């Protein structure tokens, strides 16, 4: 019987967007400009674990060109977390780089300057760095509503394990660790969002548009029909950005926030 030649399997199939990308003609999210668009920047925590004593954004708000400054005080009417993580730090920070405030301004440099004018006072707390330290008795709790620092525990078991051990010629036991794995795309992280009476439209480089839509709908207490996601490529931050958009009422672009 002659082997059937397949149209795609085993064949070199050109990417639909391949030519545009290798010739520089492809337009990424960072190339998109919406009329009247503002630029967003994030103020991030320098501490791995600290209590937020105060946030003074008055100087940033007074800077010409600044449309809005967002802090945890501005999102009390929303669902402030997704996947167990605050969209913006509330009461304390739990890792270096956690968003504490966000700025929307007429230009990227203005937003950057406004970020430098935000004054945050912290009370530094003991950090639980590394798995062993976080699991040790008496370790500082990252989330006070939990009894330990274990985020989740999953047990995966297939077949009869004991029978497998019995039939094995060699059993090797050890402790294995591996580093965090992350993929990097050609496009830098970026997002644009626009809020109006119909809902929110987000131009994103996310790879999971339906999950993003559901998350944003949950955070803003909106029906999914009022959340529109337009996908570019790669992935990005979205939830904090959409909150900043709602506060100032303009479309905002935030490349590499």
Protein backbone atom coordinates (compact mmCIF):
# COMPACT_ATOMS: atom_id res chain seq x y z
CA UNK A 1 0.00 0.00 0.00
CA UNK A 2 1.48 3.31 -1.09
CA UNK A 3 2.14 5.79 1.68
CA UNK A 4 -0.26 8.68 1.51
CA UNK A 5 1.36 12.08 1.09
CA UNK A 6 0.02 14.50 3.69
CA UNK A 7 -0.57 18.15 2.91
CA UNK A 8 0.82 19.60 6.16
CA UNK A 9 2.21 16.84 8.40
CA UNK A 10 5.88 16.34 7.65
CA UNK A 11 5.95 19.31 5.29
CA UNK A 12 7.65 22.68 5.63
CA UNK A 13 4.71 25.05 5.99
CA UNK A 14 5.42 28.80 5.79
CA UNK A 15 4.10 30.89 8.68
CA UNK A 16 1.22 33.11 7.71
CA UNK A 17 2.95 36.15 9.24
CA UNK A 18 6.51 35.01 8.59
CA UNK A 19 7.36 37.34 5.69
CA UNK A 20 6.00 40.41 7.49
CA UNK A 21 8.03 39.68 10.60
CA UNK A 22 11.38 38.96 8.99
CA UNK A 23 11.10 42.00 6.69
CA UNK A 24 10.15 44.36 9.51
CA UNK A 25 6.71 45.09 8.09
CA UNK A 26 4.80 43.46 10.94
CA UNK A 27 3.12 45.90 13.30
CA UNK A 28 3.40 45.06 16.97
CA UNK A 29 1.31 46.45 19.79
CA UNK A 30 3.93 49.09 20.54
CA UNK A 31 3.42 50.47 17.03
CA UNK A 32 -0.28 51.10 17.58
CA UNK A 33 -1.40 54.67 18.32
CA UNK A 34 -4.94 55.50 19.45
CA UNK A 35 -6.01 59.18 19.06
CA UNK A 36 -5.77 60.96 22.40
CA UNK A 37 -3.82 58.07 23.92
CA UNK A 38 -2.06 58.53 27.25
CA UNK A 39 1.02 56.68 28.52
CA UNK A 40 1.17 54.58 31.66
CA UNK A 41 3.98 53.77 34.10
CA UNK A 42 4.04 51.75 37.33
CA UNK A 43 5.60 52.59 40.69
CA UNK A 44 6.99 49.32 42.07
CA UNK A 45 8.06 48.11 45.49
CA UNK A 46 11.79 48.00 46.30
CA UNK A 47 11.16 45.54 49.16
CA UNK A 48 10.35 41.81 49.14
CA UNK A 49 8.06 42.16 52.18
CA UNK A 50 6.92 45.39 53.82
CA UNK A 51 3.86 47.09 55.26
CA UNK A 52 2.71 50.20 53.39
CA UNK A 53 2.39 53.02 55.91
CA UNK A 54 1.43 55.80 53.50
CA UNK A 55 1.31 56.72 49.81
CA UNK A 56 1.62 60.41 48.93
CA UNK A 57 0.97 61.02 45.23
CA UNK A 58 0.11 64.73 45.53
CA UNK A 59 3.26 65.96 43.78
CA UNK A 60 2.75 63.47 40.95
CA UNK A 61 -0.89 64.50 40.53
CA UNK A 62 0.11 68.18 40.37
CA UNK A 63 2.67 67.60 37.60
CA UNK A 64 1.50 69.14 34.29
CA UNK A 65 0.52 66.42 31.83
CA UNK A 66 -0.52 63.88 34.47
CA UNK A 67 -4.09 62.70 33.94
CA UNK A 68 -4.43 60.32 36.88
CA UNK A 69 -2.56 58.47 39.62
CA UNK A 70 -3.96 55.12 40.77
CA UNK A 71 -3.41 53.54 44.19
CA UNK A 72 -5.18 50.88 46.21
CA UNK A 73 -7.46 53.60 47.60
CA UNK A 74 -9.03 53.98 44.15
CA UNK A 75 -10.20 50.40 43.61
CA UNK A 76 -12.42 49.76 46.62
CA UNK A 77 -15.46 49.24 44.41
CA UNK A 78 -13.80 46.45 42.39
CA UNK A 79 -12.68 42.89 42.99
CA UNK A 80 -9.05 43.80 43.74
CA UNK A 81 -7.42 40.41 43.20
CA UNK A 82 -7.08 37.82 40.47
CA UNK A 83 -5.63 34.34 40.86
CA UNK A 84 -5.04 35.17 44.53
CA UNK A 85 -2.81 38.15 43.78
CA UNK A 86 -3.70 41.82 44.35
CA UNK A 87 -3.80 43.85 41.17
CA UNK A 88 -2.10 46.65 43.11
CA UNK A 89 -0.52 46.36 46.56
CA UNK A 90 -3.03 46.72 49.37
CA UNK A 91 -1.67 47.43 52.85
CA UNK A 92 1.60 45.66 52.17
CA UNK A 93 3.95 44.45 49.43
CA UNK A 94 4.93 40.81 49.02
CA UNK A 95 7.70 40.86 46.41
CA UNK A 96 10.21 43.22 44.87
CA UNK A 97 8.54 44.92 41.93
CA UNK A 98 4.94 44.59 43.14
CA UNK A 99 2.86 47.52 41.78
CA UNK A 100 2.11 50.13 44.43
CA UNK A 101 0.83 52.95 42.20
CA UNK A 102 0.30 53.69 38.51
CA UNK A 103 0.44 56.93 36.53
CA UNK A 104 -1.25 57.98 33.29
CA UNK A 105 0.22 61.02 31.51
CA UNK A 106 0.35 62.70 28.12
CA UNK A 107 3.85 61.37 27.46
CA UNK A 108 6.07 58.52 28.59
CA UNK A 109 8.73 60.86 30.02
CA UNK A 110 6.08 62.78 31.97
CA UNK A 111 4.72 59.53 33.41
CA UNK A 112 8.26 58.50 34.36
CA UNK A 113 8.85 61.84 36.11
CA UNK A 114 5.55 61.52 37.96
CA UNK A 115 6.57 58.09 39.22
CA UNK A 116 9.70 59.63 40.75
CA UNK A 117 7.53 62.12 42.67
CA UNK A 118 5.44 59.49 44.47
CA UNK A 119 6.45 59.11 48.11
CA UNK A 120 5.74 55.76 49.77
CA UNK A 121 6.62 55.03 53.38
CA UNK A 122 7.18 51.39 54.32
CA UNK A 123 7.74 49.31 57.43
CA UNK A 124 10.07 46.56 56.26
CA UNK A 125 9.04 43.07 57.37
CA UNK A 126 11.04 39.81 57.57
CA UNK A 127 11.16 38.13 54.18
CA UNK A 128 10.72 34.44 53.47
CA UNK A 129 13.24 33.89 50.69
CA UNK A 130 13.49 30.43 49.17
CA UNK A 131 11.36 27.33 49.62
CA UNK A 132 13.10 26.00 52.73
CA UNK A 133 13.00 29.35 54.53
CA UNK A 134 9.34 29.88 53.62
CA UNK A 135 8.36 26.43 54.92
CA UNK A 136 10.43 26.62 58.13
CA UNK A 137 8.55 26.76 61.45
CA UNK A 138 7.99 30.36 62.50
CA UNK A 139 8.59 31.74 59.00
CA UNK A 140 7.09 35.14 58.33
CA UNK A 141 3.66 34.70 56.77
CA UNK A 142 3.33 36.36 53.37
CA UNK A 143 -0.46 36.08 53.53
CA UNK A 144 -1.75 36.53 57.08
CA UNK A 145 -5.03 34.75 56.36
CA UNK A 146 -3.14 31.48 55.85
CA UNK A 147 -1.49 29.21 58.39
CA UNK A 148 1.65 28.70 56.30
CA UNK A 149 3.32 29.87 53.10
CA UNK A 150 2.27 26.93 50.92
CA UNK A 151 0.28 28.35 48.04
CA UNK A 152 -1.13 25.06 46.79
CA UNK A 153 -0.46 21.34 47.03
CA UNK A 154 -1.18 19.02 44.15
CA UNK A 155 -0.84 15.24 44.19
CA UNK A 156 -0.48 13.46 40.85
CA UNK A 157 -0.65 9.69 40.81
CA UNK A 158 -1.04 7.35 37.83
CA UNK A 159 -1.49 3.60 37.98
CA UNK A 160 -0.45 1.34 40.87
CA UNK A 161 2.63 3.00 42.35
CA UNK A 162 3.48 0.26 44.81
CA UNK A 163 3.22 -2.39 42.10
CA UNK A 164 5.53 -0.30 39.95
CA UNK A 165 8.11 -0.17 42.73
CA UNK A 166 7.84 -3.93 43.21
CA UNK A 167 8.48 -4.59 39.52
CA UNK A 168 11.35 -2.12 39.24
CA UNK A 169 14.94 -3.32 38.89
CA UNK A 170 16.31 -0.04 40.25
CA UNK A 171 14.66 2.65 42.40
CA UNK A 172 16.33 6.05 42.54
CA UNK A 173 15.27 8.54 45.21
CA UNK A 174 16.53 12.13 45.35
CA UNK A 175 15.46 15.74 45.78
CA UNK A 176 15.15 17.66 42.54
CA UNK A 177 14.89 21.39 41.93
CA UNK A 178 14.70 23.36 38.72
CA UNK A 179 14.73 27.08 37.90
CA UNK A 180 11.76 29.12 36.77
CA UNK A 181 11.16 28.71 33.05
CA UNK A 182 9.94 31.65 31.00
CA UNK A 183 9.67 32.14 27.27
CA UNK A 184 10.48 35.44 25.57
CA UNK A 185 8.80 36.68 22.43
CA UNK A 186 9.99 39.14 19.80
CA UNK A 187 7.52 41.73 21.04
CA UNK A 188 8.10 43.61 24.32
CA UNK A 189 5.29 43.49 26.86
CA UNK A 190 2.70 46.16 26.11
CA UNK A 191 -1.01 46.81 26.43
CA UNK A 192 -3.49 49.49 25.35
CA UNK A 193 -6.91 49.84 26.91
CA UNK A 194 -9.88 52.11 26.27
CA UNK A 195 -12.84 52.56 28.61
CA UNK A 196 -16.22 54.03 27.69
CA UNK A 197 -19.92 53.55 28.47
CA UNK A 198 -19.98 50.32 26.44
CA UNK A 199 -17.26 48.70 28.53
CA UNK A 200 -13.53 48.19 28.10
CA UNK A 201 -11.51 47.37 24.99
CA UNK A 202 -8.02 45.95 25.51
CA UNK A 203 -5.37 45.59 22.81
CA UNK A 204 -3.10 42.92 24.22
CA UNK A 205 -0.23 40.66 23.33
CA UNK A 206 -1.66 37.91 25.55
CA UNK A 207 -1.75 34.30 24.40
CA UNK A 208 -4.94 33.50 26.32
CA UNK A 209 -7.61 36.04 25.30
CA UNK A 210 -10.59 34.24 26.85
CA UNK A 211 -8.90 33.90 30.23
CA UNK A 212 -7.94 37.57 30.12
CA UNK A 213 -11.50 38.54 29.19
CA UNK A 214 -12.92 36.52 32.08
CA UNK A 215 -10.38 37.94 34.57
CA UNK A 216 -11.12 41.54 33.58
CA UNK A 217 -14.87 40.92 33.67
CA UNK A 218 -14.54 39.51 37.19
CA UNK A 219 -12.32 42.34 38.46
CA UNK A 220 -14.64 45.06 37.11
CA UNK A 221 -17.86 43.14 37.78
CA UNK A 222 -18.78 43.37 34.09
CA UNK A 223 -20.56 40.88 31.85
CA UNK A 224 -18.07 39.34 29.43
CA UNK A 225 -20.01 40.92 26.55
CA UNK A 226 -18.70 44.31 27.72
CA UNK A 227 -15.05 43.21 27.62
CA UNK A 228 -13.43 43.22 24.20
CA UNK A 229 -9.94 41.73 23.75
CA UNK A 230 -7.91 42.41 20.58
CA UNK A 231 -4.84 40.19 20.38
CA UNK A 232 -1.43 40.99 18.95
CA UNK A 233 1.14 38.36 20.01
CA UNK A 234 3.23 37.43 23.07
CA UNK A 235 1.72 38.39 26.46
CA UNK A 236 1.37 41.33 28.84
CA UNK A 237 0.02 42.85 32.07
CA UNK A 238 -3.62 43.89 31.84
CA UNK A 239 -5.65 44.17 35.02
CA UNK A 240 -3.87 47.13 36.64
CA UNK A 241 -3.72 48.88 33.28
CA UNK A 242 -7.48 48.61 32.78
CA UNK A 243 -8.07 50.10 36.23
CA UNK A 244 -5.86 53.08 35.38
CA UNK A 245 -7.81 53.55 32.14
CA UNK A 246 -11.12 53.56 34.00
CA UNK A 247 -9.83 56.21 36.42
CA UNK A 248 -8.67 58.73 33.80
CA UNK A 249 -11.14 57.91 31.00
CA UNK A 250 -8.64 57.81 28.11
CA UNK A 251 -6.91 55.11 26.12
CA UNK A 252 -3.51 54.37 27.65
CA UNK A 253 -0.48 52.61 26.20
CA UNK A 254 2.02 51.03 28.53
CA UNK A 255 5.04 49.43 26.83
CA UNK A 256 7.43 47.63 29.19
CA UNK A 257 5.75 48.99 32.34
